Amino acid sequence: MENNIIVYDETYYGNGEFDFIEDQNYKDFLKSAHKSITLCELWNWIRIYEPPPNEGFMLSIKPELNRLKQQMWKDQINDFHSAASFGIIMRDMEYIAKHGYENFKRTFN
């Protein structure tokens, strides 16, 4: 994959519906993160960003992550996000950014 994927490619990043996920809370978190990354135009950034080992996505204070968190917190679902749940969801988004939505989907089959 090249480093020049610009903003959003639905065939690669998916439609953000996560219909294959049965747990509704998990699905809602994934949908919110996917939507927020798309709105903030951060797919390429997440694809190439490597969180520091002792910080991960949970503790990193990068401006891009702060912008993303602000967008995510606009969704009602994220009133319940803990630092740990944010970190887990962001690792899922990182997987999608680096390996594609269809590959992420296959991990659930």
PDB file of N, CA and C in Angstrom:
ATOM      1  N   MET A   1       0.843  -1.170   0.000  1.00  0.00           N
ATOM      2  CA  MET A   1       0.000   0.000   0.000  1.00  0.00           C
ATOM      3  C   MET A   1       0.891   1.237   0.000  1.00  0.00           C
ATOM      4  N   GLU A   2       0.485   2.225  -0.725  1.00  0.00           N
ATOM      5  CA  GLU A   2       1.259   3.452  -0.814  1.00  0.00           C
ATOM      6  C   GLU A   2       0.902   4.395   0.330  1.00  0.00           C
ATOM      7  N   ASN A   3       1.774   5.347   0.602  1.00  0.00           N
ATOM      8  CA  ASN A   3       1.534   6.321   1.663  1.00  0.00           C
ATOM      9  C   ASN A   3       0.681   7.495   1.224  1.00  0.00           C
ATOM     10  N   ASN A   4       0.111   7.459   0.030  1.00  0.00           N
ATOM     11  CA  ASN A   4      -0.596   8.636  -0.454  1.00  0.00           C
ATOM     12  C   ASN A   4      -2.112   8.475  -0.499  1.00  0.00           C
ATOM     13  N   ILE A   5      -2.677   7.560   0.310  1.00  0.00           N
ATOM     14  CA  ILE A   5      -4.129   7.527   0.451  1.00  0.00           C
ATOM     15  C   ILE A   5      -4.499   8.821   1.165  1.00  0.00           C
ATOM     16  N   ILE A   6      -5.337   9.631   0.549  1.00  0.00           N
ATOM     17  CA  ILE A   6      -5.539  10.981   1.060  1.00  0.00           C
ATOM     18  C   ILE A   6      -6.572  11.028   2.189  1.00  0.00           C
ATOM     19  N   VAL A   7      -7.841  10.888   1.893  1.00  0.00           N
ATOM     20  CA  VAL A   7      -8.840  11.124   2.926  1.00  0.00           C
ATOM     21  C   VAL A   7      -9.640   9.868   3.222  1.00  0.00           C
ATOM     22  N   TYR A   8     -10.503   9.473   2.323  1.00  0.00           N
ATOM     23  CA  TYR A   8     -11.430   8.397   2.630  1.00  0.00           C
ATOM     24  C   TYR A   8     -11.769   7.627   1.370  1.00  0.00           C
ATOM     25  N   ASP A   9     -11.621   6.332   1.442  1.00  0.00           N
ATOM     26  CA  ASP A   9     -11.945   5.442   0.340  1.00  0.00           C
ATOM     27  C   ASP A   9     -12.824   4.338   0.921  1.00  0.00           C
ATOM     28  N   GLU A  10     -14.142   4.405   0.645  1.00  0.00           N
ATOM     29  CA  GLU A  10     -15.077   3.460   1.260  1.00  0.00           C
ATOM     30  C   GLU A  10     -14.744   2.013   0.914  1.00  0.00           C
ATOM     31  N   THR A  11     -14.226   1.762  -0.269  1.00  0.00           N
ATOM     32  CA  THR A  11     -13.892   0.381  -0.613  1.00  0.00           C
ATOM     33  C   THR A  11     -12.762  -0.147   0.266  1.00  0.00           C
ATOM     34  N   TYR A  12     -11.917   0.740   0.780  1.00  0.00           N
ATOM     35  CA  TYR A  12     -10.827   0.318   1.661  1.00  0.00           C
ATOM     36  C   TYR A  12     -11.209   0.436   3.142  1.00  0.00           C
ATOM     37  N   TYR A  13     -11.740   1.585   3.537  1.00  0.00           N
ATOM     38  CA  TYR A  13     -12.042   1.840   4.951  1.00  0.00           C
ATOM     39  C   TYR A  13     -13.427   1.371   5.358  1.00  0.00           C
ATOM     40  N   GLY A  14     -14.253   0.979   4.403  1.00  0.00           N
ATOM     41  CA  GLY A  14     -15.582   0.466   4.714  1.00  0.00           C
ATOM     42  C   GLY A  14     -16.611   1.565   4.870  1.00  0.00           C
ATOM     43  N   ASN A  15     -17.858   1.139   5.029  1.00  0.00           N
ATOM     44  CA  ASN A  15     -18.962   2.088   5.149  1.00  0.00           C
ATOM     45  C   ASN A  15     -19.225   2.513   6.589  1.00  0.00           C
ATOM     46  N   GLY A  16     -18.553   1.904   7.533  1.00  0.00           N
ATOM     47  CA  GLY A  16     -18.698   2.298   8.930  1.00  0.00           C
ATOM     48  C   GLY A  16     -19.936   1.780   9.616  1.00  0.00           C
ATOM     49  N   GLU A  17     -20.616   0.808   9.020  1.00  0.00           N
ATOM     50  CA  GLU A  17     -21.841   0.266   9.627  1.00  0.00           C
ATOM     51  C   GLU A  17     -21.575  -0.879  10.598  1.00  0.00           C
ATOM     52  N   PHE A  18     -20.539  -1.651  10.378  1.00  0.00           N
ATOM     53  CA  PHE A  18     -20.159  -2.754  11.258  1.00  0.00           C
ATOM     54  C   PHE A  18     -21.318  -3.710  11.524  1.00  0.00           C
ATOM     55  N   ASP A  19     -22.063  -4.047  10.473  1.00  0.00           N
ATOM     56  CA  ASP A  19     -23.220  -4.931  10.587  1.00  0.00           C
ATOM     57  C   ASP A  19     -22.861  -6.337  11.070  1.00  0.00           C
ATOM     58  N   PHE A  20     -21.623  -6.724  10.954  1.00  0.00           N
ATOM     59  CA  PHE A  20     -21.182  -8.056  11.351  1.00  0.00           C
ATOM     60  C   PHE A  20     -20.888  -8.156  12.849  1.00  0.00           C
ATOM     61  N   ILE A  21     -20.960  -7.041  13.570  1.00  0.00           N
ATOM     62  CA  ILE A  21     -20.718  -7.018  15.014  1.00  0.00           C
ATOM     63  C   ILE A  21     -22.049  -7.218  15.733  1.00  0.00           C
ATOM     64  N   GLU A  22     -22.109  -8.188  16.639  1.00  0.00           N
ATOM     65  CA  GLU A  22     -23.352  -8.471  17.350  1.00  0.00           C
ATOM     66  C   GLU A  22     -23.541  -7.596  18.590  1.00  0.00           C
ATOM     67  N   ASP A  23     -22.471  -7.315  19.304  1.00  0.00           N
ATOM     68  CA  ASP A  23     -22.558  -6.514  20.537  1.00  0.00           C
ATOM     69  C   ASP A  23     -22.878  -5.068  20.178  1.00  0.00           C
ATOM     70  N   GLN A  24     -24.059  -4.594  20.564  1.00  0.00           N
ATOM     71  CA  GLN A  24     -24.515  -3.264  20.155  1.00  0.00           C
ATOM     72  C   GLN A  24     -23.641  -2.139  20.712  1.00  0.00           C
ATOM     73  N   ASN A  25     -23.196  -2.251  21.953  1.00  0.00           N
ATOM     74  CA  ASN A  25     -22.343  -1.200  22.529  1.00  0.00           C
ATOM     75  C   ASN A  25     -21.023  -1.095  21.769  1.00  0.00           C
ATOM     76  N   TYR A  26     -20.413  -2.229  21.506  1.00  0.00           N
ATOM     77  CA  TYR A  26     -19.153  -2.258  20.760  1.00  0.00           C
ATOM     78  C   TYR A  26     -19.373  -1.693  19.360  1.00  0.00           C
ATOM     79  N   LYS A  27     -20.461  -2.094  18.725  1.00  0.00           N
ATOM     80  CA  LYS A  27     -20.785  -1.600  17.387  1.00  0.00           C
ATOM     81  C   LYS A  27     -20.943  -0.082  17.399  1.00  0.00           C
ATOM     82  N   ASP A  28     -21.648   0.439  18.408  1.00  0.00           N
ATOM     83  CA  ASP A  28     -21.846   1.888  18.501  1.00  0.00           C
ATOM     84  C   ASP A  28     -20.531   2.639  18.648  1.00  0.00           C
ATOM     85  N   PHE A  29     -19.630   2.096  19.467  1.00  0.00           N
ATOM     86  CA  PHE A  29     -18.312   2.715  19.626  1.00  0.00           C
ATOM     87  C   PHE A  29     -17.541   2.708  18.309  1.00  0.00           C
ATOM     88  N   LEU A  30     -17.566   1.567  17.609  1.00  0.00           N
ATOM     89  CA  LEU A  30     -16.873   1.473  16.322  1.00  0.00           C
ATOM     90  C   LEU A  30     -17.449   2.453  15.307  1.00  0.00           C
ATOM     91  N   LYS A  31     -18.770   2.528  15.234  1.00  0.00           N
ATOM     92  CA  LYS A  31     -19.421   3.427  14.278  1.00  0.00           C
ATOM     93  C   LYS A  31     -19.065   4.882  14.573  1.00  0.00           C
ATOM     94  N   SER A  32     -19.078   5.248  15.847  1.00  0.00           N
ATOM     95  CA  SER A  32     -18.755   6.614  16.243  1.00  0.00           C
ATOM     96  C   SER A  32     -17.311   6.961  15.880  1.00  0.00           C
ATOM     97  N   ALA A  33     -16.386   6.048  16.170  1.00  0.00           N
ATOM     98  CA  ALA A  33     -14.979   6.298  15.857  1.00  0.00           C
ATOM     99  C   ALA A  33     -14.773   6.396  14.352  1.00  0.00           C
ATOM    100  N   HIS A  34     -15.374   5.486  13.601  1.00  0.00           N
ATOM    101  CA  HIS A  34     -15.244   5.480  12.141  1.00  0.00           C
ATOM    102  C   HIS A  34     -15.765   6.792  11.561  1.00  0.00           C
ATOM    103  N   LYS A  35     -16.942   7.200  11.999  1.00  0.00           N
ATOM    104  CA  LYS A  35     -17.545   8.447  11.526  1.00  0.00           C
ATOM    105  C   LYS A  35     -16.661   9.645  11.873  1.00  0.00           C
ATOM    106  N   SER A  36     -16.153   9.668  13.085  1.00  0.00           N
ATOM    107  CA  SER A  36     -15.332  10.796  13.538  1.00  0.00           C
ATOM    108  C   SER A  36     -14.015  10.880  12.780  1.00  0.00           C
ATOM    109  N   ILE A  37     -13.387   9.735  12.541  1.00  0.00           N
ATOM    110  CA  ILE A  37     -12.136   9.726  11.780  1.00  0.00           C
ATOM    111  C   ILE A  37     -12.391  10.237  10.367  1.00  0.00           C
ATOM    112  N   THR A  38     -13.511   9.822   9.794  1.00  0.00           N
ATOM    113  CA  THR A  38     -13.865  10.273   8.450  1.00  0.00           C
ATOM    114  C   THR A  38     -14.119  11.776   8.431  1.00  0.00           C
ATOM    115  N   LEU A  39     -14.905  12.278   9.387  1.00  0.00           N
ATOM    116  CA  LEU A  39     -15.206  13.712   9.440  1.00  0.00           C
ATOM    117  C   LEU A  39     -13.954  14.554   9.671  1.00  0.00           C
ATOM    118  N   CYS A  40     -13.041  14.045  10.481  1.00  0.00           N
ATOM    119  CA  CYS A  40     -11.795  14.768  10.770  1.00  0.00           C
ATOM    120  C   CYS A  40     -10.718  14.544   9.706  1.00  0.00           C
ATOM    121  N   GLU A  41     -11.035  13.696   8.740  1.00  0.00           N
ATOM    122  CA  GLU A  41     -10.101  13.379   7.657  1.00  0.00           C
ATOM    123  C   GLU A  41      -8.760  12.867   8.202  1.00  0.00           C
ATOM    124  N   LEU A  42      -8.844  11.875   9.100  1.00  0.00           N
ATOM    125  CA  LEU A  42      -7.650  11.370   9.763  1.00  0.00           C
ATOM    126  C   LEU A  42      -7.298   9.930   9.412  1.00  0.00           C
ATOM    127  N   TRP A  43      -7.932   9.347   8.399  1.00  0.00           N
ATOM    128  CA  TRP A  43      -7.613   7.965   8.058  1.00  0.00           C
ATOM    129  C   TRP A  43      -6.139   7.793   7.692  1.00  0.00           C
ATOM    130  N   ASN A  44      -5.627   8.655   6.864  1.00  0.00           N
ATOM    131  CA  ASN A  44      -4.224   8.526   6.470  1.00  0.00           C
ATOM    132  C   ASN A  44      -3.301   8.736   7.667  1.00  0.00           C
ATOM    133  N   TRP A  45      -3.643   9.686   8.510  1.00  0.00           N
ATOM    134  CA  TRP A  45      -2.823   9.945   9.694  1.00  0.00           C
ATOM    135  C   TRP A  45      -2.788   8.708  10.598  1.00  0.00           C
ATOM    136  N   ILE A  46      -3.924   8.101  10.841  1.00  0.00           N
ATOM    137  CA  ILE A  46      -3.973   6.912  11.699  1.00  0.00           C
ATOM    138  C   ILE A  46      -3.208   5.761  11.048  1.00  0.00           C
ATOM    139  N   ARG A  47      -3.266   5.688   9.735  1.00  0.00           N
ATOM    140  CA  ARG A  47      -2.581   4.609   9.026  1.00  0.00           C
ATOM    141  C   ARG A  47      -1.065   4.685   9.224  1.00  0.00           C
ATOM    142  N   ILE A  48      -0.511   5.874   9.341  1.00  0.00           N
ATOM    143  CA  ILE A  48       0.943   5.990   9.465  1.00  0.00           C
ATOM    144  C   ILE A  48       1.413   6.333  10.887  1.00  0.00           C
ATOM    145  N   TYR A  49       0.489   6.725  11.776  1.00  0.00           N
ATOM    146  CA  TYR A  49       0.866   7.091  13.143  1.00  0.00           C
ATOM    147  C   TYR A  49       1.204   5.848  13.957  1.00  0.00           C
ATOM    148  N   GLU A  50       2.279   5.929  14.699  1.00  0.00           N
ATOM    149  CA  GLU A  50       2.674   4.868  15.629  1.00  0.00           C
ATOM    150  C   GLU A  50       2.656   5.451  17.037  1.00  0.00           C
ATOM    151  N   PRO A  51       1.648   5.121  17.841  1.00  0.00           N
ATOM    152  CA  PRO A  51       1.608   5.656  19.205  1.00  0.00           C
ATOM    153  C   PRO A  51       2.834   5.237  20.009  1.00  0.00           C
ATOM    154  N   PRO A  52       3.343   6.107  20.852  1.00  0.00           N
ATOM    155  CA  PRO A  52       4.481   5.743  21.697  1.00  0.00           C
ATOM    156  C   PRO A  52       4.143   4.523  22.558  1.00  0.00           C
ATOM    157  N   PRO A  53       5.105   3.625  22.753  1.00  0.00           N
ATOM    158  CA  PRO A  53       4.838   2.381  23.491  1.00  0.00           C
ATOM    159  C   PRO A  53       4.256   2.588  24.884  1.00  0.00           C
ATOM    160  N   ASN A  54       4.680   3.602  25.587  1.00  0.00           N
ATOM    161  CA  ASN A  54       4.195   3.818  26.950  1.00  0.00           C
ATOM    162  C   ASN A  54       2.946   4.691  27.007  1.00  0.00           C
ATOM    163  N   GLU A  55       2.438   5.118  25.847  1.00  0.00           N
ATOM    164  CA  GLU A  55       1.264   5.971  25.816  1.00  0.00           C
ATOM    165  C   GLU A  55       0.104   5.328  25.067  1.00  0.00           C
ATOM    166  N   GLY A  56       0.410   4.704  23.946  1.00  0.00           N
ATOM    167  CA  GLY A  56      -0.650   4.172  23.101  1.00  0.00           C
ATOM    168  C   GLY A  56      -1.596   5.277  22.675  1.00  0.00           C
ATOM    169  N   PHE A  57      -2.768   4.910  22.245  1.00  0.00           N
ATOM    170  CA  PHE A  57      -3.779   5.905  21.894  1.00  0.00           C
ATOM    171  C   PHE A  57      -4.402   6.512  23.141  1.00  0.00           C
ATOM    172  N   MET A  58      -4.397   5.760  24.243  1.00  0.00           N
ATOM    173  CA  MET A  58      -5.040   6.214  25.473  1.00  0.00           C
ATOM    174  C   MET A  58      -4.425   7.490  26.030  1.00  0.00           C
ATOM    175  N   LEU A  59      -3.118   7.554  26.064  1.00  0.00           N
ATOM    176  CA  LEU A  59      -2.449   8.647  26.761  1.00  0.00           C
ATOM    177  C   LEU A  59      -1.753   9.644  25.841  1.00  0.00           C
ATOM    178  N   SER A  60      -1.741   9.363  24.558  1.00  0.00           N
ATOM    179  CA  SER A  60      -1.079  10.263  23.614  1.00  0.00           C
ATOM    180  C   SER A  60      -1.803  11.607  23.570  1.00  0.00           C
ATOM    181  N   ILE A  61      -1.047  12.689  23.461  1.00  0.00           N
ATOM    182  CA  ILE A  61      -1.646  14.029  23.437  1.00  0.00           C
ATOM    183  C   ILE A  61      -1.432  14.730  22.093  1.00  0.00           C
ATOM    184  N   LYS A  62      -1.341  13.954  21.035  1.00  0.00           N
ATOM    185  CA  LYS A  62      -1.189  14.524  19.697  1.00  0.00           C
ATOM    186  C   LYS A  62      -2.407  15.380  19.357  1.00  0.00           C
ATOM    187  N   PRO A  63      -2.204  16.507  18.666  1.00  0.00           N
ATOM    188  CA  PRO A  63      -3.336  17.371  18.295  1.00  0.00           C
ATOM    189  C   PRO A  63      -4.390  16.641  17.467  1.00  0.00           C
ATOM    190  N   GLU A  64      -3.960  15.712  16.619  1.00  0.00           N
ATOM    191  CA  GLU A  64      -4.908  14.955  15.801  1.00  0.00           C
ATOM    192  C   GLU A  64      -5.834  14.118  16.676  1.00  0.00           C
ATOM    193  N   LEU A  65      -5.274  13.507  17.706  1.00  0.00           N
ATOM    194  CA  LEU A  65      -6.098  12.701  18.609  1.00  0.00           C
ATOM    195  C   LEU A  65      -7.031  13.574  19.436  1.00  0.00           C
ATOM    196  N   ASN A  66      -6.562  14.729  19.829  1.00  0.00           N
ATOM    197  CA  ASN A  66      -7.440  15.645  20.573  1.00  0.00           C
ATOM    198  C   ASN A  66      -8.617  16.085  19.714  1.00  0.00           C
ATOM    199  N   ARG A  67      -8.354  16.381  18.447  1.00  0.00           N
ATOM    200  CA  ARG A  67      -9.426  16.765  17.519  1.00  0.00           C
ATOM    201  C   ARG A  67     -10.404  15.602  17.333  1.00  0.00           C
ATOM    202  N   LEU A  68      -9.860  14.406  17.203  1.00  0.00           N
ATOM    203  CA  LEU A  68     -10.691  13.224  17.038  1.00  0.00           C
ATOM    204  C   LEU A  68     -11.554  12.979  18.275  1.00  0.00           C
ATOM    205  N   LYS A  69     -10.957  13.089  19.450  1.00  0.00           N
ATOM    206  CA  LYS A  69     -11.717  12.896  20.691  1.00  0.00           C
ATOM    207  C   LYS A  69     -12.852  13.902  20.802  1.00  0.00           C
ATOM    208  N   GLN A  70     -12.591  15.150  20.463  1.00  0.00           N
ATOM    209  CA  GLN A  70     -13.647  16.164  20.508  1.00  0.00           C
ATOM    210  C   GLN A  70     -14.794  15.796  19.585  1.00  0.00           C
ATOM    211  N   GLN A  71     -14.479  15.309  18.395  1.00  0.00           N
ATOM    212  CA  GLN A  71     -15.525  14.902  17.455  1.00  0.00           C
ATOM    213  C   GLN A  71     -16.294  13.693  17.998  1.00  0.00           C
ATOM    214  N   MET A  72     -15.580  12.733  18.548  1.00  0.00           N
ATOM    215  CA  MET A  72     -16.231  11.529  19.072  1.00  0.00           C
ATOM    216  C   MET A  72     -17.131  11.844  20.259  1.00  0.00           C
ATOM    217  N   TRP A  73     -16.731  12.777  21.083  1.00  0.00           N
ATOM    218  CA  TRP A  73     -17.505  13.092  22.277  1.00  0.00           C
ATOM    219  C   TRP A  73     -18.825  13.793  21.918  1.00  0.00           C
ATOM    220  N   LYS A  74     -18.967  14.229  20.687  1.00  0.00           N
ATOM    221  CA  LYS A  74     -20.230  14.826  20.243  1.00  0.00           C
ATOM    222  C   LYS A  74     -21.332  13.783  20.147  1.00  0.00           C
ATOM    223  N   ASP A  75     -20.942  12.521  19.945  1.00  0.00           N
ATOM    224  CA  ASP A  75     -21.922  11.438  19.910  1.00  0.00           C
ATOM    225  C   ASP A  75     -22.301  11.070  21.331  1.00  0.00           C
ATOM    226  N   GLN A  76     -23.552  10.863  21.567  1.00  0.00           N
ATOM    227  CA  GLN A  76     -24.061  10.508  22.890  1.00  0.00           C
ATOM    228  C   GLN A  76     -23.376   9.266  23.441  1.00  0.00           C
ATOM    229  N   ILE A  77     -23.076   8.315  22.586  1.00  0.00           N
ATOM    230  CA  ILE A  77     -22.491   7.052  23.024  1.00  0.00           C
ATOM    231  C   ILE A  77     -21.186   7.263  23.780  1.00  0.00           C
ATOM    232  N   ASN A  78     -20.459   8.285  23.440  1.00  0.00           N
ATOM    233  CA  ASN A  78     -19.125   8.459  24.013  1.00  0.00           C
ATOM    234  C   ASN A  78     -19.129   9.086  25.397  1.00  0.00           C
ATOM    235  N   ASP A  79     -20.326   9.349  25.953  1.00  0.00           N
ATOM    236  CA  ASP A  79     -20.385   9.734  27.353  1.00  0.00           C
ATOM    237  C   ASP A  79     -19.852   8.599  28.229  1.00  0.00           C
ATOM    238  N   PHE A  80     -19.856   7.398  27.683  1.00  0.00           N
ATOM    239  CA  PHE A  80     -19.475   6.227  28.451  1.00  0.00           C
ATOM    240  C   PHE A  80     -18.084   5.706  28.102  1.00  0.00           C
ATOM    241  N   HIS A  81     -17.341   6.417  27.253  1.00  0.00           N
ATOM    242  CA  HIS A  81     -15.995   5.978  26.875  1.00  0.00           C
ATOM    243  C   HIS A  81     -15.036   6.166  28.036  1.00  0.00           C
ATOM    244  N   SER A  82     -14.340   5.107  28.379  1.00  0.00           N
ATOM    245  CA  SER A  82     -13.229   5.228  29.321  1.00  0.00           C
ATOM    246  C   SER A  82     -11.954   5.351  28.499  1.00  0.00           C
ATOM    247  N   ALA A  83     -10.858   5.634  29.151  1.00  0.00           N
ATOM    248  CA  ALA A  83      -9.584   5.694  28.430  1.00  0.00           C
ATOM    249  C   ALA A  83      -9.277   4.331  27.810  1.00  0.00           C
ATOM    250  N   ALA A  84      -9.590   3.274  28.532  1.00  0.00           N
ATOM    251  CA  ALA A  84      -9.324   1.927  28.023  1.00  0.00           C
ATOM    252  C   ALA A  84     -10.183   1.615  26.802  1.00  0.00           C
ATOM    253  N   SER A  85     -11.477   1.940  26.861  1.00  0.00           N
ATOM    254  CA  SER A  85     -12.339   1.643  25.707  1.00  0.00           C
ATOM    255  C   SER A  85     -11.925   2.475  24.498  1.00  0.00           C
ATOM    256  N   PHE A  86     -11.505   3.713  24.732  1.00  0.00           N
ATOM    257  CA  PHE A  86     -11.010   4.536  23.634  1.00  0.00           C
ATOM    258  C   PHE A  86      -9.778   3.892  23.003  1.00  0.00           C
ATOM    259  N   GLY A  87      -8.861   3.427  23.842  1.00  0.00           N
ATOM    260  CA  GLY A  87      -7.653   2.781  23.339  1.00  0.00           C
ATOM    261  C   GLY A  87      -7.961   1.539  22.526  1.00  0.00           C
ATOM    262  N   ILE A  88      -8.901   0.726  22.987  1.00  0.00           N
ATOM    263  CA  ILE A  88      -9.277  -0.495  22.274  1.00  0.00           C
ATOM    264  C   ILE A  88      -9.907  -0.159  20.930  1.00  0.00           C
ATOM    265  N   ILE A  89     -10.845   0.771  20.929  1.00  0.00           N
ATOM    266  CA  ILE A  89     -11.519   1.157  19.686  1.00  0.00           C
ATOM    267  C   ILE A  89     -10.518   1.753  18.701  1.00  0.00           C
ATOM    268  N   MET A  90      -9.577   2.549  19.199  1.00  0.00           N
ATOM    269  CA  MET A  90      -8.591   3.149  18.306  1.00  0.00           C
ATOM    270  C   MET A  90      -7.652   2.092  17.726  1.00  0.00           C
ATOM    271  N   ARG A  91      -7.366   1.050  18.467  1.00  0.00           N
ATOM    272  CA  ARG A  91      -6.558  -0.043  17.904  1.00  0.00           C
ATOM    273  C   ARG A  91      -7.337  -0.737  16.784  1.00  0.00           C
ATOM    274  N   ASP A  92      -8.645  -0.865  16.958  1.00  0.00           N
ATOM    275  CA  ASP A  92      -9.474  -1.422  15.880  1.00  0.00           C
ATOM    276  C   ASP A  92      -9.446  -0.508  14.660  1.00  0.00           C
ATOM    277  N   MET A  93      -9.540   0.804  14.882  1.00  0.00           N
ATOM    278  CA  MET A  93      -9.506   1.759  13.766  1.00  0.00           C
ATOM    279  C   MET A  93      -8.133   1.740  13.099  1.00  0.00           C
ATOM    280  N   GLU A  94      -7.089   1.601  13.899  1.00  0.00           N
ATOM    281  CA  GLU A  94      -5.739   1.510  13.345  1.00  0.00           C
ATOM    282  C   GLU A  94      -5.628   0.271  12.447  1.00  0.00           C
ATOM    283  N   TYR A  95      -6.205  -0.846  12.893  1.00  0.00           N
ATOM    284  CA  TYR A  95      -6.173  -2.055  12.072  1.00  0.00           C
ATOM    285  C   TYR A  95      -6.877  -1.816  10.742  1.00  0.00           C
ATOM    286  N   ILE A  96      -8.040  -1.185  10.784  1.00  0.00           N
ATOM    287  CA  ILE A  96      -8.772  -0.878   9.554  1.00  0.00           C
ATOM    288  C   ILE A  96      -7.935   0.034   8.663  1.00  0.00           C
ATOM    289  N   ALA A  97      -7.321   1.054   9.255  1.00  0.00           N
ATOM    290  CA  ALA A  97      -6.522   2.000   8.472  1.00  0.00           C
ATOM    291  C   ALA A  97      -5.337   1.309   7.800  1.00  0.00           C
ATOM    292  N   LYS A  98      -4.740   0.351   8.471  1.00  0.00           N
ATOM    293  CA  LYS A  98      -3.533  -0.294   7.956  1.00  0.00           C
ATOM    294  C   LYS A  98      -3.811  -1.534   7.115  1.00  0.00           C
ATOM    295  N   HIS A  99      -4.954  -2.204   7.369  1.00  0.00           N
ATOM    296  CA  HIS A  99      -5.212  -3.484   6.702  1.00  0.00           C
ATOM    297  C   HIS A  99      -6.533  -3.537   5.948  1.00  0.00           C
ATOM    298  N   GLY A 100      -7.372  -2.541   6.130  1.00  0.00           N
ATOM    299  CA  GLY A 100      -8.639  -2.491   5.411  1.00  0.00           C
ATOM    300  C   GLY A 100      -9.815  -3.064   6.199  1.00  0.00           C
ATOM    301  N   TYR A 101     -10.980  -2.556   5.860  1.00  0.00           N
ATOM    302  CA  TYR A 101     -12.239  -2.933   6.518  1.00  0.00           C
ATOM    303  C   TYR A 101     -12.547  -4.417   6.316  1.00  0.00           C
ATOM    304  N   GLU A 102     -12.359  -4.917   5.107  1.00  0.00           N
ATOM    305  CA  GLU A 102     -12.683  -6.323   4.822  1.00  0.00           C
ATOM    306  C   GLU A 102     -11.793  -7.261   5.631  1.00  0.00           C
ATOM    307  N   ASN A 103     -10.534  -6.917   5.804  1.00  0.00           N
ATOM    308  CA  ASN A 103      -9.650  -7.741   6.640  1.00  0.00           C
ATOM    309  C   ASN A 103     -10.078  -7.687   8.101  1.00  0.00           C
ATOM    310  N   PHE A 104     -10.491  -6.507   8.569  1.00  0.00           N
ATOM    311  CA  PHE A 104     -11.005  -6.381   9.929  1.00  0.00           C
ATOM    312  C   PHE A 104     -12.252  -7.248  10.082  1.00  0.00           C
ATOM    313  N   LYS A 105     -13.138  -7.187   9.127  1.00  0.00           N
ATOM    314  CA  LYS A 105     -14.376  -7.970   9.146  1.00  0.00           C
ATOM    315  C   LYS A 105     -14.058  -9.470   9.229  1.00  0.00           C
ATOM    316  N   ARG A 106     -13.059  -9.915   8.499  1.00  0.00           N
ATOM    317  CA  ARG A 106     -12.682 -11.337   8.501  1.00  0.00           C
ATOM    318  C   ARG A 106     -12.190 -11.803   9.867  1.00  0.00           C
ATOM    319  N   THR A 107     -11.677 -10.900  10.689  1.00  0.00           N
ATOM    320  CA  THR A 107     -11.211 -11.313  12.010  1.00  0.00           C
ATOM    321  C   THR A 107     -12.368 -11.728  12.914  1.00  0.00           C
ATOM    322  N   PHE A 108     -13.606 -11.427  12.518  1.00  0.00           N
ATOM    323  CA  PHE A 108     -14.788 -11.784  13.307  1.00  0.00           C
ATOM    324  C   PHE A 108     -15.484 -13.042  12.804  1.00  0.00           C
ATOM    325  N   ASN A 109     -14.975 -13.634  11.754  1.00  0.00           N
ATOM    326  CA  ASN A 109     -15.597 -14.861  11.207  1.00  0.00           C
ATOM    327  C   ASN A 109     -14.933 -16.108  11.723  1.00  0.00           C
TER     328      ASN A 109
END
